[in-house]
Structures are given as C-alpha cells and as structure tokens.
Amino acid sequence: MNLHATSDALVALPERDILGVQVTSVDWNDAITLLCRLAQERTFTKIGFLNAHSANMAYVVPEFADALADFVVLPDGFGVDIAGRLLHGAPFPANLNGTDFVPAVLQAMDPPQKVGLLGAERANVEAAANKLSRLAPHHSYVVIDDGFFSPDEETGVVERVATIRPDILLVAMGVPRQELWIHRRVTEDHCTMAIGVGALFDFLSGAVPRAPYWMRRSRLEWLFRLVFEPGRLWRRYILGNPLFLMRVLRQKLRQPETAA
C-alpha cells in the first residue's frame, strides 16, 4: 500500500501476498471508484500492476520489491489469478490489466484532469495521447517525452514533469524501469497520481495489436502476444510462467495451513 497516501480510501484495502508483494483485492468498479476518489482528494499515490512477469522481477530484484511496497498494486492477468486461488483460496475479483483499466479510469474520472504521458517511442506516445483524447475528451493531455532519454537528459525530463505538474502521470517504460523511475524521481511536487502503464501507449497507438476479444476474455492475451512477438517475449512466457508457478507453489508450501 502507498506509504505516503493518507486518504481514508486506502486505510482498509484488502490485500493478498503474492511472492512478497501486497496486491490489492478489489473488483473492477471499486478499483475505478478508488482511483477517482484519490484523484479528487488530491492524494499523492503511485499505482502499479502485478502480473507473473513483474512478480518474477520483484522476486529477484530487491529494489523493485521495495519500490512496490510504496505503490497501490493491482492484479493483472491469469497467472496472478492462479496464484490468488492457490495461496488465498480464490482468484482476484477482477483482472485489472492496465491496457483496459487505465482508459476506463480516465473515462470515469471527474472533474477534468491534466494527464501527462511519458515513455514509449515518440510516435507512439503522441498517437496514444490522441487516442485518449477521443476516449476521454474531458481531460487535457500533454506529451512530456518519449522513454528513450539518456541519463544526461533525465534531470531535464524530471524538471519538465514538475513544470507541467500533471494531475495524472502515465509512465510507459516497461517493468521494472517505470516503477523504479517513479519511486526514485516522482514526488507530490510532480503529480497527484503516477501510474506505471507498461505497453499501454504501444497498444493505444496501434503499433502493437490487441488480442481478439475472446482471447482477452479467456485470459489468453499473453499467448497472442507471444505469437506476435516470440523473439522478445518467449523467455517471459515460456520460461517465466512456469517459474512463477513454481515460486507460488513454494510460497504455498511455506505458509501456515490457516493462511487465507
């Protein structure tokens, strides 16, 4: 849970331990209501998502796991659902994958917000801003930078975020870079809510196609992505998914019988 947030909305959020990461267990509508309330109350909050890949990363990168302790972490994907069932007796109430969830939050969020976009390739982030302006036109959208700035340029990027000071900052740099960057560089002086959104800009721009609806509904979007980008994703899915399940089973064996 976000250690800096003071909103009553965060006090009693139900959480489940998945490989040492505390994942918020709420349904789709309650999650949208939560983020809308945090934005309306101007509560500085960091939002992240946990799927099998990011859980594996947090398991072996202590700094990433420590960073996530300062985030509200939402469940994303079939693997985390399996983990919820094995470790806690039931799947998570909803699959809050950022590609669908973040646009839905922006559509529901009121009053209008200033939304900053940072990350991905320049053409993709600009196209994503245009797409979001059609999906949720009551907000204003500002492209801050792409995700390929050099270390020497980073201070300038951070200063630009502070100057613009978006209400909502969407950061698309991939896991774990985006969460670590938010953790190290973003404070309440930069935005009200920072969200690590992964490949959202690539999907919104159309540079990376979405799986057919039936595959998304069946939680098989990972398979579609593997077929579409095998060279980049085979380690994540072919090796990573079984490794994640092995680690979950190990956690199951180590936890007390009464754990729920």
Protein backbone atom coordinates (compact mmCIF):
# COMPACT_ATOMS: atom_id res chain seq x y z
CA MET A 1 0.00 0.00 0.00
CA ASN A 2 1.16 3.53 -0.73
CA LEU A 3 3.03 4.66 2.36
CA HIS A 4 2.56 8.36 1.63
CA ALA A 5 -1.17 8.29 0.96
CA THR A 6 -3.37 9.43 3.84
CA SER A 7 -6.79 9.03 2.27
CA ASP A 8 -9.37 7.01 4.19
CA ALA A 9 -9.90 5.17 0.90
CA LEU A 10 -6.57 3.39 1.43
CA VAL A 11 -6.84 2.55 5.11
CA ALA A 12 -8.56 -0.81 4.94
CA LEU A 13 -7.92 -2.02 1.40
CA PRO A 14 -7.89 -5.83 1.30
CA GLU A 15 -4.54 -7.15 0.12
CA ARG A 16 -3.08 -10.53 -0.78
CA ASP A 17 0.56 -11.53 -0.58
CA ILE A 18 1.86 -12.79 -3.94
CA LEU A 19 5.58 -13.67 -3.73
CA GLY A 20 6.06 -10.95 -1.12
CA VAL A 21 4.14 -8.23 -2.99
CA GLN A 22 0.94 -6.93 -1.40
CA VAL A 23 -1.70 -6.89 -4.15
CA THR A 24 -4.97 -5.02 -3.65
CA SER A 25 -8.01 -7.27 -3.99
CA VAL A 26 -10.94 -5.24 -5.34
CA ASP A 27 -13.39 -5.62 -8.18
CA TRP A 28 -13.38 -3.51 -11.33
CA ASN A 29 -15.93 -0.90 -10.24
CA ASP A 30 -14.47 -0.48 -6.76
CA ALA A 31 -10.98 -0.05 -8.22
CA ILE A 32 -12.21 2.69 -10.55
CA THR A 33 -14.03 4.37 -7.68
CA LEU A 34 -10.86 4.17 -5.58
CA LEU A 35 -8.63 5.88 -8.14
CA CYS A 36 -11.25 8.52 -8.90
CA ARG A 37 -11.56 9.30 -5.21
CA LEU A 38 -7.80 9.53 -4.71
CA ALA A 39 -7.51 11.93 -7.65
CA GLN A 40 -10.41 14.04 -6.40
CA GLU A 41 -8.92 14.21 -2.90
CA ARG A 42 -5.52 15.16 -4.39
CA THR A 43 -3.87 12.28 -2.53
CA PHE A 44 -0.41 11.57 -3.91
CA THR A 45 -0.48 7.93 -4.97
CA LYS A 46 1.65 5.55 -7.03
CA ILE A 47 -0.20 2.84 -8.93
CA GLY A 48 1.34 -0.34 -10.31
CA PHE A 49 0.20 -3.69 -11.65
CA LEU A 50 1.40 -7.18 -10.79
CA ASN A 51 1.44 -9.98 -13.35
CA ALA A 52 3.53 -13.13 -13.47
CA HIS A 53 6.43 -11.33 -15.15
CA SER A 54 6.58 -8.41 -12.72
CA ALA A 55 6.18 -10.82 -9.78
CA ASN A 56 9.21 -12.75 -11.03
CA MET A 57 11.14 -9.49 -11.34
CA ALA A 58 10.22 -8.40 -7.80
CA TYR A 59 11.27 -11.83 -6.52
CA VAL A 60 14.85 -11.39 -7.74
CA VAL A 61 15.28 -7.59 -7.68
CA PRO A 62 15.02 -6.39 -4.06
CA GLU A 63 14.95 -2.72 -5.04
CA PHE A 64 11.92 -3.36 -7.24
CA ALA A 65 10.11 -5.22 -4.44
CA ASP A 66 10.93 -2.37 -2.05
CA ALA A 67 9.58 0.17 -4.56
CA LEU A 68 6.31 -1.74 -4.97
CA ALA A 69 5.76 -1.54 -1.20
CA ASP A 70 5.13 2.17 -1.80
CA PHE A 71 2.57 1.53 -4.56
CA VAL A 72 -1.07 0.53 -4.67
CA VAL A 73 -0.55 -2.69 -6.65
CA LEU A 74 -3.43 -4.06 -8.75
CA PRO A 75 -3.74 -7.63 -10.14
CA ASP A 76 -3.11 -8.13 -13.83
CA GLY A 77 -3.54 -11.38 -15.69
CA PHE A 78 -4.29 -15.06 -15.47
CA GLY A 79 -1.09 -16.02 -13.65
CA VAL A 80 -1.85 -13.78 -10.67
CA ASP A 81 -5.39 -15.18 -10.62
CA ILE A 82 -3.98 -18.71 -10.34
CA ALA A 83 -1.70 -17.52 -7.56
CA GLY A 84 -4.66 -15.98 -5.73
CA ARG A 85 -6.55 -19.25 -5.94
CA LEU A 86 -3.60 -21.36 -4.80
CA LEU A 87 -2.44 -19.09 -1.99
CA HIS A 88 -5.67 -17.49 -0.79
CA GLY A 89 -8.45 -19.83 -1.85
CA ALA A 90 -9.99 -17.70 -4.58
CA PRO A 91 -8.96 -15.74 -7.68
CA PHE A 92 -8.84 -11.96 -7.56
CA PRO A 93 -12.24 -10.28 -8.05
CA ALA A 94 -11.18 -8.75 -11.37
CA ASN A 95 -8.39 -8.71 -13.92
CA LEU A 96 -7.31 -5.06 -13.72
CA ASN A 97 -4.90 -5.13 -16.65
CA GLY A 98 -3.67 -1.61 -17.31
CA THR A 99 -4.41 -1.65 -21.04
CA ASP A 100 -8.15 -1.80 -20.39
CA PHE A 101 -8.28 -0.42 -16.86
CA VAL A 102 -6.39 2.88 -17.25
CA PRO A 103 -8.57 4.19 -20.13
CA ALA A 104 -11.67 3.14 -18.16
CA VAL A 105 -10.44 5.10 -15.12
CA LEU A 106 -9.85 8.19 -17.25
CA GLN A 107 -13.31 7.90 -18.77
CA ALA A 108 -14.87 7.70 -15.30
CA MET A 109 -12.68 10.32 -13.61
CA ASP A 110 -14.29 13.68 -12.92
CA PRO A 111 -13.60 16.62 -12.69
CA PRO A 112 -11.31 17.05 -15.72
CA GLN A 113 -7.65 16.26 -15.13
CA LYS A 114 -4.37 17.19 -16.77
CA VAL A 115 -2.83 13.90 -17.94
CA GLY A 116 0.89 13.66 -18.70
CA LEU A 117 2.29 10.90 -20.91
CA LEU A 118 5.92 9.80 -20.60
CA GLY A 119 7.53 6.83 -22.32
CA ALA A 120 7.46 4.56 -25.39
CA GLU A 121 8.60 5.80 -28.81
CA ARG A 122 7.80 9.40 -29.75
CA ALA A 123 5.31 8.48 -32.48
CA ASN A 124 3.53 6.00 -30.20
CA VAL A 125 3.19 8.31 -27.21
CA GLU A 126 1.83 11.09 -29.41
CA ALA A 127 -0.65 8.70 -31.04
CA ALA A 128 -1.66 7.41 -27.60
CA ALA A 129 -2.36 10.96 -26.42
CA ASN A 130 -4.58 11.49 -29.46
CA LYS A 131 -6.41 8.21 -28.82
CA LEU A 132 -7.01 9.06 -25.14
CA SER A 133 -8.29 12.50 -26.12
CA ARG A 134 -11.00 10.72 -28.11
CA LEU A 135 -11.76 8.12 -25.43
CA ALA A 136 -11.91 10.62 -22.54
CA PRO A 137 -12.14 14.08 -24.14
CA HIS A 138 -12.95 15.96 -20.94
CA HIS A 139 -9.29 15.75 -19.85
CA SER A 140 -6.28 17.56 -21.32
CA TYR A 141 -3.27 15.53 -22.46
CA VAL A 142 0.38 16.57 -22.54
CA VAL A 143 3.20 14.51 -24.06
CA ILE A 144 6.18 15.05 -21.76
CA ASP A 145 8.78 12.94 -23.52
CA ASP A 146 9.40 9.53 -25.02
CA GLY A 147 11.07 6.78 -23.00
CA PHE A 148 14.45 6.93 -24.69
CA PHE A 149 16.05 9.89 -22.95
CA SER A 150 19.67 9.50 -21.88
CA PRO A 151 20.93 9.71 -18.28
CA ASP A 152 22.21 13.21 -19.08
CA GLU A 153 18.72 14.21 -20.20
CA GLU A 154 16.89 12.73 -17.21
CA THR A 155 17.12 15.79 -14.98
CA GLY A 156 15.55 17.88 -17.72
CA VAL A 157 12.71 15.38 -18.07
CA VAL A 158 12.03 15.43 -14.34
CA GLU A 159 12.06 19.24 -14.35
CA ARG A 160 9.60 19.25 -17.25
CA VAL A 161 7.24 16.97 -15.30
CA ALA A 162 7.45 19.35 -12.33
CA THR A 163 6.82 22.38 -14.52
CA ILE A 164 3.78 20.81 -16.20
CA ARG A 165 2.68 19.11 -12.96
CA PRO A 166 0.02 16.82 -14.43
CA ASP A 167 -2.72 15.53 -12.17
CA ILE A 168 -2.21 12.05 -13.62
CA LEU A 169 1.21 10.92 -14.88
CA LEU A 170 1.26 7.83 -17.10
CA VAL A 171 4.74 6.30 -17.31
CA ALA A 172 5.40 3.68 -20.02
CA MET A 173 8.97 2.44 -19.70
CA GLY A 174 8.49 -1.27 -19.08
CA VAL A 175 8.93 -3.30 -15.90
CA PRO A 176 10.76 -2.64 -13.64
CA ARG A 177 12.22 0.57 -15.07
CA GLN A 178 8.98 2.53 -14.90
CA GLU A 179 8.24 1.65 -11.27
CA LEU A 180 11.83 2.30 -10.20
CA TRP A 181 11.81 5.62 -12.05
CA ILE A 182 8.57 6.67 -10.35
CA HIS A 183 9.93 5.51 -7.00
CA ARG A 184 13.21 7.41 -7.36
CA ARG A 185 12.14 10.53 -9.22
CA VAL A 186 8.45 11.31 -8.71
CA THR A 187 7.02 13.09 -5.66
CA GLU A 188 3.86 15.03 -4.87
CA ASP A 189 5.63 18.05 -6.39
CA HIS A 190 5.44 16.33 -9.81
CA CYS A 191 1.89 14.94 -9.95
CA THR A 192 -1.04 13.71 -7.90
CA MET A 193 -1.10 10.15 -9.24
CA ALA A 194 1.69 8.29 -11.06
CA ILE A 195 0.77 5.08 -12.88
CA GLY A 196 3.17 2.58 -14.46
CA VAL A 197 1.37 1.57 -17.65
CA GLY A 198 3.77 -0.77 -19.48
CA ALA A 199 2.90 -1.16 -23.16
CA LEU A 200 -0.30 0.93 -22.97
CA PHE A 201 0.94 3.59 -25.41
CA ASP A 202 2.00 0.95 -27.92
CA PHE A 203 -1.45 -0.64 -27.74
CA LEU A 204 -3.34 2.66 -27.91
CA SER A 205 -1.28 3.81 -30.89
CA GLY A 206 -1.93 0.57 -32.77
CA ALA A 207 1.80 -0.19 -33.02
CA VAL A 208 1.14 -3.43 -31.11
CA PRO A 209 -2.18 -5.16 -31.88
CA ARG A 210 -4.52 -6.36 -29.14
CA ALA A 211 -5.64 -9.96 -28.98
CA PRO A 212 -9.19 -10.73 -30.18
CA TYR A 213 -11.82 -10.12 -27.53
CA TRP A 214 -12.45 -13.83 -26.95
CA MET A 215 -8.78 -14.37 -26.14
CA ARG A 216 -8.74 -11.42 -23.73
CA ARG A 217 -11.91 -12.67 -22.06
CA SER A 218 -10.34 -16.13 -21.71
CA ARG A 219 -7.17 -14.58 -20.20
CA LEU A 220 -5.13 -15.74 -23.20
CA GLU A 221 -3.80 -12.38 -24.36
CA TRP A 222 -0.33 -13.48 -23.25
CA LEU A 223 -0.48 -16.28 -25.85
CA PHE A 224 -1.42 -13.82 -28.58
CA ARG A 225 1.45 -11.55 -27.61
CA LEU A 226 3.86 -14.50 -27.59
CA VAL A 227 2.83 -15.46 -31.13
CA PHE A 228 3.10 -11.85 -32.28
CA GLU A 229 6.49 -11.13 -30.63
CA PRO A 230 8.16 -14.52 -29.99
CA GLY A 231 11.74 -13.25 -30.14
CA ARG A 232 11.14 -10.67 -27.40
CA LEU A 233 8.65 -12.49 -25.20
CA TRP A 234 9.48 -16.20 -25.26
CA ARG A 235 11.63 -16.02 -22.13
CA ARG A 236 8.92 -14.06 -20.28
CA TYR A 237 6.19 -16.59 -21.04
CA ILE A 238 7.76 -19.95 -21.89
CA LEU A 239 10.30 -19.80 -19.07
CA GLY A 240 8.79 -17.14 -16.84
CA ASN A 241 5.28 -18.52 -16.37
CA PRO A 242 6.38 -21.98 -15.10
CA LEU A 243 8.99 -20.30 -12.89
CA PHE A 244 6.30 -18.05 -11.42
CA LEU A 245 4.04 -21.02 -10.68
CA MET A 246 6.93 -22.91 -9.08
CA ARG A 247 7.61 -19.94 -6.80
CA VAL A 248 3.93 -19.65 -5.92
CA LEU A 249 3.80 -23.34 -5.01
CA ARG A 250 6.89 -22.87 -2.86
CA GLN A 251 5.16 -19.98 -1.07
CA LYS A 252 2.09 -22.18 -0.62
CA LEU A 253 4.15 -24.92 1.00
CA ARG A 254 5.81 -22.48 3.37
CA GLN A 255 2.72 -20.60 4.54
CA PRO A 256 0.72 -21.70 7.61
CA GLU A 257 -2.22 -24.00 6.99
CA THR A 258 -4.63 -21.36 8.33
CA ALA A 259 -3.47 -18.62 5.93
CA ALA A 260 -6.23 -17.23 3.75
